[in-house]
Amino acid sequence: MSPRPDETKDPAAACRDLIRRSATAVLATVEREPAGWPYASLVQVAAAHDGSPMLLLSDLADHTKNFTQDSRVSLLFDGTHGLDNPLTGARVTLQGRIRMLGDTEPEVRMKRRYLARHPEAVDYAAFADFKFYAVEPERLHLVAGFGRISWLPAAAVLLDAAQTGTLAEEEQGILAHMNADHADAIDLYARAAEPNTATGWRMAGIDPEGADLRRDGLAIRLAFTDFVTDGASARRELAGLVKALRHSAGTD
């Protein structure tokens, strides 16, 4: 499903929204030979709780060999798929530096989020030559249609600790509870976004601004009305969405 960010959002929120919705991006690195040439490749991406991108890459890939020597990278997130005129759609170019993720508890949680977003990558993650990476943004360029163009510093786009709260630490418990006890609610969220979709959706991730739903190879982004920062606020938001959707459908 193509990312469709809400173009009424402020530029920072629009950047995060597109990054969170995107399953792939174009990664640009600085070529080591011939030196200095830009090299672009397609990669799978996932977003950390603060909105920054995460990648799983092979040591054998040219882009990995490039950024091992020069950590500067750029990622293009494309939200124009399916539009009659792609130039009216949103896209974000992110510039930053890439680093390998370690084995601290926060970094392990980031890896878990990536694999939940891309369960087909579990086998690759077990290979010795595949590593997880985080891109630490420095600035972002949003083009959200004609005349809506903004350069933004990373600090204006990424969420801070007060906005992410303890949600990362509580994420796995929330997902386990929702998938075990509230499968009907998850299907309701999915049908609100895709009315003709089948049942059997699972919640694969939750962040301060929404939740990621998956079924087989399909993905749906559930946007929240309010920020959530912990399990309690997540429960309030998810329960409120169910109540609103059932009321709208006349089944409350």
C-alpha atoms as a PDB file:
ATOM      1  CA  MET A   1       0.000   0.000   0.000  1.00  0.00           C
ATOM      2  CA  SER A   2       1.379   3.387  -0.899  1.00  0.00           C
ATOM      3  CA  PRO A   3       2.126   5.940   1.809  1.00  0.00           C
ATOM      4  CA  ARG A   4      -0.450   8.708   1.843  1.00  0.00           C
ATOM      5  CA  PRO A   5       0.587  11.361   4.374  1.00  0.00           C
ATOM      6  CA  ASP A   6      -1.913  13.986   5.411  1.00  0.00           C
ATOM      7  CA  GLU A   7      -0.868  17.136   3.557  1.00  0.00           C
ATOM      8  CA  THR A   8      -2.640  19.343   6.102  1.00  0.00           C
ATOM      9  CA  LYS A   9      -0.033  18.386   8.714  1.00  0.00           C
ATOM     10  CA  ASP A  10       2.705  20.803   9.670  1.00  0.00           C
ATOM     11  CA  PRO A  11       5.989  20.093   7.831  1.00  0.00           C
ATOM     12  CA  ALA A  12       7.675  18.276  10.729  1.00  0.00           C
ATOM     13  CA  ALA A  13       4.682  15.998  11.304  1.00  0.00           C
ATOM     14  CA  ALA A  14       4.378  15.394   7.555  1.00  0.00           C
ATOM     15  CA  CYS A  15       8.019  14.249   7.445  1.00  0.00           C
ATOM     16  CA  ARG A  16       7.561  11.827  10.316  1.00  0.00           C
ATOM     17  CA  ASP A  17       4.304  10.528   8.892  1.00  0.00           C
ATOM     18  CA  LEU A  18       5.849   9.682   5.531  1.00  0.00           C
ATOM     19  CA  ILE A  19       8.892   8.062   7.138  1.00  0.00           C
ATOM     20  CA  ARG A  20       6.694   5.941   9.426  1.00  0.00           C
ATOM     21  CA  ARG A  21       4.449   4.830   6.562  1.00  0.00           C
ATOM     22  CA  SER A  22       7.284   3.921   4.207  1.00  0.00           C
ATOM     23  CA  ALA A  23       8.494   0.339   3.890  1.00  0.00           C
ATOM     24  CA  THR A  24      11.256   1.240   1.445  1.00  0.00           C
ATOM     25  CA  ALA A  25      13.468   4.200   0.623  1.00  0.00           C
ATOM     26  CA  VAL A  26      16.290   5.080  -1.736  1.00  0.00           C
ATOM     27  CA  LEU A  27      19.638   5.146   0.080  1.00  0.00           C
ATOM     28  CA  ALA A  28      22.348   7.380  -1.362  1.00  0.00           C
ATOM     29  CA  THR A  29      25.965   6.927  -0.301  1.00  0.00           C
ATOM     30  CA  VAL A  30      29.284   8.454  -1.367  1.00  0.00           C
ATOM     31  CA  GLU A  31      31.024   6.061  -3.752  1.00  0.00           C
ATOM     32  CA  ARG A  32      34.480   4.983  -2.681  1.00  0.00           C
ATOM     33  CA  GLU A  33      35.613   4.008  -6.202  1.00  0.00           C
ATOM     34  CA  PRO A  34      35.417   5.992  -8.386  1.00  0.00           C
ATOM     35  CA  ALA A  35      35.685   8.312  -5.418  1.00  0.00           C
ATOM     36  CA  GLY A  36      33.030  10.932  -4.750  1.00  0.00           C
ATOM     37  CA  TRP A  37      30.280   9.757  -7.070  1.00  0.00           C
ATOM     38  CA  PRO A  38      26.777   9.447  -5.578  1.00  0.00           C
ATOM     39  CA  TYR A  39      25.453   5.873  -5.449  1.00  0.00           C
ATOM     40  CA  ALA A  40      21.749   5.165  -4.894  1.00  0.00           C
ATOM     41  CA  SER A  41      20.081   1.869  -3.998  1.00  0.00           C
ATOM     42  CA  LEU A  42      16.688   0.625  -2.802  1.00  0.00           C
ATOM     43  CA  VAL A  43      16.500  -0.488   0.838  1.00  0.00           C
ATOM     44  CA  GLN A  44      13.859  -1.541   3.342  1.00  0.00           C
ATOM     45  CA  VAL A  45      13.302   0.877   6.216  1.00  0.00           C
ATOM     46  CA  ALA A  46      11.502   1.084   9.537  1.00  0.00           C
ATOM     47  CA  ALA A  47      11.117   3.976  11.954  1.00  0.00           C
ATOM     48  CA  ALA A  48      12.248   4.175  15.563  1.00  0.00           C
ATOM     49  CA  HIS A  49       9.914   5.685  18.147  1.00  0.00           C
ATOM     50  CA  ASP A  50      11.392   9.148  17.615  1.00  0.00           C
ATOM     51  CA  GLY A  51      10.875   8.926  13.842  1.00  0.00           C
ATOM     52  CA  SER A  52      14.463   8.204  12.794  1.00  0.00           C
ATOM     53  CA  PRO A  53      15.094   5.472  10.188  1.00  0.00           C
ATOM     54  CA  MET A  54      16.503   1.989  10.767  1.00  0.00           C
ATOM     55  CA  LEU A  55      17.998  -0.369   8.172  1.00  0.00           C
ATOM     56  CA  LEU A  56      19.183  -3.975   7.885  1.00  0.00           C
ATOM     57  CA  LEU A  57      22.043  -4.215   5.384  1.00  0.00           C
ATOM     58  CA  SER A  58      24.573  -6.723   4.128  1.00  0.00           C
ATOM     59  CA  ASP A  59      28.308  -6.174   4.557  1.00  0.00           C
ATOM     60  CA  LEU A  60      28.699  -7.282   0.938  1.00  0.00           C
ATOM     61  CA  ALA A  61      26.525  -4.515  -0.534  1.00  0.00           C
ATOM     62  CA  ASP A  62      28.181  -1.573  -2.276  1.00  0.00           C
ATOM     63  CA  HIS A  63      26.284   0.946  -0.156  1.00  0.00           C
ATOM     64  CA  THR A  64      27.655  -0.652   3.037  1.00  0.00           C
ATOM     65  CA  LYS A  65      31.214  -0.567   1.721  1.00  0.00           C
ATOM     66  CA  ASN A  66      30.674   3.092   0.828  1.00  0.00           C
ATOM     67  CA  PHE A  67      29.364   4.315   4.184  1.00  0.00           C
ATOM     68  CA  THR A  68      31.991   2.319   6.062  1.00  0.00           C
ATOM     69  CA  GLN A  69      34.433   4.883   4.676  1.00  0.00           C
ATOM     70  CA  ASP A  70      32.101   7.905   4.697  1.00  0.00           C
ATOM     71  CA  SER A  71      29.157   7.785   7.107  1.00  0.00           C
ATOM     72  CA  ARG A  72      27.246  10.554   5.334  1.00  0.00           C
ATOM     73  CA  VAL A  73      24.077   9.193   3.714  1.00  0.00           C
ATOM     74  CA  SER A  74      20.793  10.413   2.321  1.00  0.00           C
ATOM     75  CA  LEU A  75      17.423   8.652   2.217  1.00  0.00           C
ATOM     76  CA  LEU A  76      14.556   9.501  -0.129  1.00  0.00           C
ATOM     77  CA  PHE A  77      11.079   8.574   1.113  1.00  0.00           C
ATOM     78  CA  ASP A  78       8.567   8.584  -1.735  1.00  0.00           C
ATOM     79  CA  GLY A  79       4.866   9.119  -1.095  1.00  0.00           C
ATOM     80  CA  THR A  80       3.891   9.661  -4.749  1.00  0.00           C
ATOM     81  CA  HIS A  81       3.019   6.104  -5.773  1.00  0.00           C
ATOM     82  CA  GLY A  82      -0.389   5.747  -7.385  1.00  0.00           C
ATOM     83  CA  LEU A  83      -0.891   9.455  -8.084  1.00  0.00           C
ATOM     84  CA  ASP A  84      -1.881  10.559 -11.580  1.00  0.00           C
ATOM     85  CA  ASN A  85       0.669  13.356 -11.252  1.00  0.00           C
ATOM     86  CA  PRO A  86       3.496  12.168  -8.964  1.00  0.00           C
ATOM     87  CA  LEU A  87       4.913  15.671  -8.647  1.00  0.00           C
ATOM     88  CA  THR A  88       1.869  16.670  -6.586  1.00  0.00           C
ATOM     89  CA  GLY A  89       2.696  14.053  -3.951  1.00  0.00           C
ATOM     90  CA  ALA A  90       4.908  14.242  -0.889  1.00  0.00           C
ATOM     91  CA  ARG A  91       8.521  13.153  -0.651  1.00  0.00           C
ATOM     92  CA  VAL A  92      11.183  13.624   1.982  1.00  0.00           C
ATOM     93  CA  THR A  93      14.938  13.681   1.527  1.00  0.00           C
ATOM     94  CA  LEU A  94      16.754  12.989   4.783  1.00  0.00           C
ATOM     95  CA  GLN A  95      20.451  13.753   5.231  1.00  0.00           C
ATOM     96  CA  GLY A  96      22.396  12.294   8.126  1.00  0.00           C
ATOM     97  CA  ARG A  97      25.039   9.864   9.295  1.00  0.00           C
ATOM     98  CA  ILE A  98      24.657   6.119   9.624  1.00  0.00           C
ATOM     99  CA  ARG A  99      25.879   3.979  12.499  1.00  0.00           C
ATOM    100  CA  MET A 100      25.674   0.311  13.374  1.00  0.00           C
ATOM    101  CA  LEU A 101      23.298  -0.620  16.163  1.00  0.00           C
ATOM    102  CA  GLY A 102      24.794  -2.328  19.188  1.00  0.00           C
ATOM    103  CA  ASP A 103      23.385  -4.654  21.814  1.00  0.00           C
ATOM    104  CA  THR A 104      22.161  -2.241  24.476  1.00  0.00           C
ATOM    105  CA  GLU A 105      18.553  -2.719  25.536  1.00  0.00           C
ATOM    106  CA  PRO A 106      17.292   0.369  23.635  1.00  0.00           C
ATOM    107  CA  GLU A 107      19.101  -0.795  20.487  1.00  0.00           C
ATOM    108  CA  VAL A 108      17.740  -4.330  20.836  1.00  0.00           C
ATOM    109  CA  ARG A 109      14.253  -2.815  20.998  1.00  0.00           C
ATOM    110  CA  MET A 110      14.992  -0.898  17.794  1.00  0.00           C
ATOM    111  CA  LYS A 111      16.039  -4.124  16.046  1.00  0.00           C
ATOM    112  CA  ARG A 112      12.864  -5.812  17.265  1.00  0.00           C
ATOM    113  CA  ARG A 113      10.785  -2.973  15.808  1.00  0.00           C
ATOM    114  CA  TYR A 114      12.499  -3.347  12.445  1.00  0.00           C
ATOM    115  CA  LEU A 115      11.803  -7.084  12.286  1.00  0.00           C
ATOM    116  CA  ALA A 116       8.188  -6.552  13.315  1.00  0.00           C
ATOM    117  CA  ARG A 117       7.847  -4.123  10.395  1.00  0.00           C
ATOM    118  CA  HIS A 118       9.619  -6.557   8.053  1.00  0.00           C
ATOM    119  CA  PRO A 119       9.067 -10.113   9.347  1.00  0.00           C
ATOM    120  CA  GLU A 120      10.390 -11.498   6.063  1.00  0.00           C
ATOM    121  CA  ALA A 121      13.821 -10.150   7.090  1.00  0.00           C
ATOM    122  CA  VAL A 122      14.146 -12.414  10.142  1.00  0.00           C
ATOM    123  CA  ASP A 123      16.191 -14.981   8.217  1.00  0.00           C
ATOM    124  CA  TYR A 124      18.539 -12.302   6.862  1.00  0.00           C
ATOM    125  CA  ALA A 125      19.089 -10.913  10.341  1.00  0.00           C
ATOM    126  CA  ALA A 126      20.476 -14.293  11.391  1.00  0.00           C
ATOM    127  CA  PHE A 127      23.219 -14.165   8.750  1.00  0.00           C
ATOM    128  CA  ALA A 128      26.642 -13.065  10.011  1.00  0.00           C
ATOM    129  CA  ASP A 129      27.103 -10.548   7.197  1.00  0.00           C
ATOM    130  CA  PHE A 130      23.844  -8.641   7.899  1.00  0.00           C
ATOM    131  CA  LYS A 131      23.858  -5.794  10.419  1.00  0.00           C
ATOM    132  CA  PHE A 132      21.280  -3.347  11.767  1.00  0.00           C
ATOM    133  CA  TYR A 133      21.904   0.361  11.320  1.00  0.00           C
ATOM    134  CA  ALA A 134      20.361   3.602  12.514  1.00  0.00           C
ATOM    135  CA  VAL A 135      20.475   6.816  10.520  1.00  0.00           C
ATOM    136  CA  GLU A 136      20.938   9.873  12.710  1.00  0.00           C
ATOM    137  CA  PRO A 137      19.285  12.708  10.752  1.00  0.00           C
ATOM    138  CA  GLU A 138      20.843  16.162  10.515  1.00  0.00           C
ATOM    139  CA  ARG A 139      18.309  17.862   8.239  1.00  0.00           C
ATOM    140  CA  LEU A 140      15.322  16.950   6.089  1.00  0.00           C
ATOM    141  CA  HIS A 141      13.837  18.374   2.903  1.00  0.00           C
ATOM    142  CA  LEU A 142      10.082  18.057   2.471  1.00  0.00           C
ATOM    143  CA  VAL A 143       8.344  18.557  -0.865  1.00  0.00           C
ATOM    144  CA  ALA A 144       4.627  18.108  -0.247  1.00  0.00           C
ATOM    145  CA  GLY A 145       3.299  19.146  -3.633  1.00  0.00           C
ATOM    146  CA  PHE A 146       3.733  22.315  -5.636  1.00  0.00           C
ATOM    147  CA  GLY A 147       4.723  25.302  -3.538  1.00  0.00           C
ATOM    148  CA  ARG A 148       5.029  23.367  -0.282  1.00  0.00           C
ATOM    149  CA  ILE A 149       8.769  22.967   0.209  1.00  0.00           C
ATOM    150  CA  SER A 150      10.668  23.109   3.510  1.00  0.00           C
ATOM    151  CA  TRP A 151      14.155  22.449   4.857  1.00  0.00           C
ATOM    152  CA  LEU A 152      13.935  21.330   8.483  1.00  0.00           C
ATOM    153  CA  PRO A 153      16.614  20.612  11.087  1.00  0.00           C
ATOM    154  CA  ALA A 154      16.435  17.146  12.593  1.00  0.00           C
ATOM    155  CA  ALA A 155      15.663  18.600  16.020  1.00  0.00           C
ATOM    156  CA  ALA A 156      12.418  20.040  14.627  1.00  0.00           C
ATOM    157  CA  VAL A 157      11.309  16.667  13.229  1.00  0.00           C
ATOM    158  CA  LEU A 158      12.416  13.978  15.667  1.00  0.00           C
ATOM    159  CA  LEU A 159      10.410  13.425  18.836  1.00  0.00           C
ATOM    160  CA  ASP A 160      12.149  14.083  22.138  1.00  0.00           C
ATOM    161  CA  ALA A 161      12.177  11.982  25.305  1.00  0.00           C
ATOM    162  CA  ALA A 162       9.116  13.729  26.741  1.00  0.00           C
ATOM    163  CA  GLN A 163       7.129  12.854  23.606  1.00  0.00           C
ATOM    164  CA  THR A 164       8.212   9.209  23.451  1.00  0.00           C
ATOM    165  CA  GLY A 165       8.026   8.568  27.213  1.00  0.00           C
ATOM    166  CA  THR A 166       8.242   4.915  28.226  1.00  0.00           C
ATOM    167  CA  LEU A 167       6.382   3.612  25.188  1.00  0.00           C
ATOM    168  CA  ALA A 168       9.438   1.826  23.754  1.00  0.00           C
ATOM    169  CA  GLU A 169       9.916  -0.129  26.974  1.00  0.00           C
ATOM    170  CA  GLU A 170       6.226  -1.061  27.109  1.00  0.00           C
ATOM    171  CA  GLU A 171       5.698  -1.723  23.406  1.00  0.00           C
ATOM    172  CA  GLN A 172       6.039  -5.526  23.461  1.00  0.00           C
ATOM    173  CA  GLY A 173       3.553  -5.878  26.308  1.00  0.00           C
ATOM    174  CA  ILE A 174       1.030  -3.653  24.535  1.00  0.00           C
ATOM    175  CA  LEU A 175       1.364  -5.614  21.290  1.00  0.00           C
ATOM    176  CA  ALA A 176       1.051  -8.975  23.031  1.00  0.00           C
ATOM    177  CA  HIS A 177      -2.081  -7.823  24.843  1.00  0.00           C
ATOM    178  CA  MET A 178      -3.726  -6.348  21.742  1.00  0.00           C
ATOM    179  CA  ASN A 179      -2.969  -9.345  19.531  1.00  0.00           C
ATOM    180  CA  ALA A 180      -4.067 -11.899  22.138  1.00  0.00           C
ATOM    181  CA  ASP A 181      -7.164 -10.183  23.519  1.00  0.00           C
ATOM    182  CA  HIS A 182      -8.348  -7.579  21.007  1.00  0.00           C
ATOM    183  CA  ALA A 183      -8.039  -9.092  17.540  1.00  0.00           C
ATOM    184  CA  ASP A 184     -11.547  -7.818  16.717  1.00  0.00           C
ATOM    185  CA  ALA A 185     -10.484  -4.242  17.496  1.00  0.00           C
ATOM    186  CA  ILE A 186      -7.403  -4.553  15.289  1.00  0.00           C
ATOM    187  CA  ASP A 187      -9.554  -5.777  12.395  1.00  0.00           C
ATOM    188  CA  LEU A 188     -11.870  -2.831  13.021  1.00  0.00           C
ATOM    189  CA  TYR A 189      -8.934  -0.408  12.763  1.00  0.00           C
ATOM    190  CA  ALA A 190      -7.857  -2.082   9.513  1.00  0.00           C
ATOM    191  CA  ARG A 191     -11.348  -1.954   7.977  1.00  0.00           C
ATOM    192  CA  ALA A 192     -11.606   1.735   8.794  1.00  0.00           C
ATOM    193  CA  ALA A 193      -8.567   2.320   6.575  1.00  0.00           C
ATOM    194  CA  GLU A 194      -9.334  -0.358   3.961  1.00  0.00           C
ATOM    195  CA  PRO A 195     -13.093  -1.107   4.033  1.00  0.00           C
ATOM    196  CA  ASN A 196     -12.912  -4.277   1.937  1.00  0.00           C
ATOM    197  CA  THR A 197      -9.924  -5.854   3.654  1.00  0.00           C
ATOM    198  CA  ALA A 198     -10.048  -9.355   5.108  1.00  0.00           C
ATOM    199  CA  THR A 199      -9.729 -10.135   8.802  1.00  0.00           C
ATOM    200  CA  GLY A 200      -6.678 -11.524  10.577  1.00  0.00           C
ATOM    201  CA  TRP A 201      -4.657  -8.343  11.064  1.00  0.00           C
ATOM    202  CA  ARG A 202      -2.037  -8.067  13.815  1.00  0.00           C
ATOM    203  CA  MET A 203      -0.543  -5.038  15.502  1.00  0.00           C
ATOM    204  CA  ALA A 204       3.171  -5.064  14.651  1.00  0.00           C
ATOM    205  CA  GLY A 205       4.265  -1.825  16.291  1.00  0.00           C
ATOM    206  CA  ILE A 206       3.099   1.171  18.255  1.00  0.00           C
ATOM    207  CA  ASP A 207       4.707   4.598  18.532  1.00  0.00           C
ATOM    208  CA  PRO A 208       3.590   7.953  19.938  1.00  0.00           C
ATOM    209  CA  GLU A 209       1.714   8.865  16.753  1.00  0.00           C
ATOM    210  CA  GLY A 210       0.155   5.627  15.617  1.00  0.00           C
ATOM    211  CA  ALA A 211       0.300   1.861  15.214  1.00  0.00           C
ATOM    212  CA  ASP A 212       1.419  -0.422  12.402  1.00  0.00           C
ATOM    213  CA  LEU A 213      -0.942  -3.223  11.385  1.00  0.00           C
ATOM    214  CA  ARG A 214       0.152  -6.197   9.285  1.00  0.00           C
ATOM    215  CA  ARG A 215      -1.468  -9.149   7.572  1.00  0.00           C
ATOM    216  CA  ASP A 216       0.709 -11.367   5.388  1.00  0.00           C
ATOM    217  CA  GLY A 217       2.623  -8.916   3.190  1.00  0.00           C
ATOM    218  CA  LEU A 218       0.195  -6.022   3.647  1.00  0.00           C
ATOM    219  CA  ALA A 219       0.591  -3.061   6.000  1.00  0.00           C
ATOM    220  CA  ILE A 220      -1.781  -0.392   7.289  1.00  0.00           C
ATOM    221  CA  ARG A 221      -0.847   2.665   9.327  1.00  0.00           C
ATOM    222  CA  LEU A 222      -3.285   3.570  12.117  1.00  0.00           C
ATOM    223  CA  ALA A 223      -2.926   7.270  13.004  1.00  0.00           C
ATOM    224  CA  PHE A 224      -3.679   8.389  16.548  1.00  0.00           C
ATOM    225  CA  THR A 225      -5.706  11.424  17.508  1.00  0.00           C
ATOM    226  CA  ASP A 226      -3.409  12.254  20.432  1.00  0.00           C
ATOM    227  CA  PHE A 227       0.193  11.448  21.314  1.00  0.00           C
ATOM    228  CA  VAL A 228       0.698   8.366  23.468  1.00  0.00           C
ATOM    229  CA  THR A 229       3.717   8.077  25.740  1.00  0.00           C
ATOM    230  CA  ASP A 230       3.098   4.924  27.774  1.00  0.00           C
ATOM    231  CA  GLY A 231       0.835   1.925  28.176  1.00  0.00           C
ATOM    232  CA  ALA A 232      -1.906   3.844  29.949  1.00  0.00           C
ATOM    233  CA  SER A 233      -2.218   6.554  27.301  1.00  0.00           C
ATOM    234  CA  ALA A 234      -1.990   3.910  24.553  1.00  0.00           C
ATOM    235  CA  ARG A 235      -4.912   2.002  26.085  1.00  0.00           C
ATOM    236  CA  ARG A 236      -6.977   5.203  26.277  1.00  0.00           C
ATOM    237  CA  GLU A 237      -6.248   6.071  22.666  1.00  0.00           C
ATOM    238  CA  LEU A 238      -6.892   2.584  21.300  1.00  0.00           C
ATOM    239  CA  ALA A 239     -10.102   2.189  23.304  1.00  0.00           C
ATOM    240  CA  GLY A 240     -11.279   5.639  22.216  1.00  0.00           C
ATOM    241  CA  LEU A 241     -10.685   4.779  18.565  1.00  0.00           C
ATOM    242  CA  VAL A 242     -12.680   1.569  18.880  1.00  0.00           C
ATOM    243  CA  LYS A 243     -15.554   3.424  20.520  1.00  0.00           C
ATOM    244  CA  ALA A 244     -15.539   6.108  17.814  1.00  0.00           C
ATOM    245  CA  LEU A 245     -15.416   3.582  14.975  1.00  0.00           C
ATOM    246  CA  ARG A 246     -18.229   1.477  16.439  1.00  0.00           C
ATOM    247  CA  HIS A 247     -20.345   4.585  16.996  1.00  0.00           C
ATOM    248  CA  SER A 248     -19.738   5.666  13.415  1.00  0.00           C
ATOM    249  CA  ALA A 249     -20.785   2.221  12.200  1.00  0.00           C
ATOM    250  CA  GLY A 250     -23.834   2.159  14.485  1.00  0.00           C
ATOM    251  CA  THR A 251     -22.636  -0.933  16.340  1.00  0.00           C
ATOM    252  CA  ASP A 252     -21.868   0.575  19.754  1.00  0.00           C
END
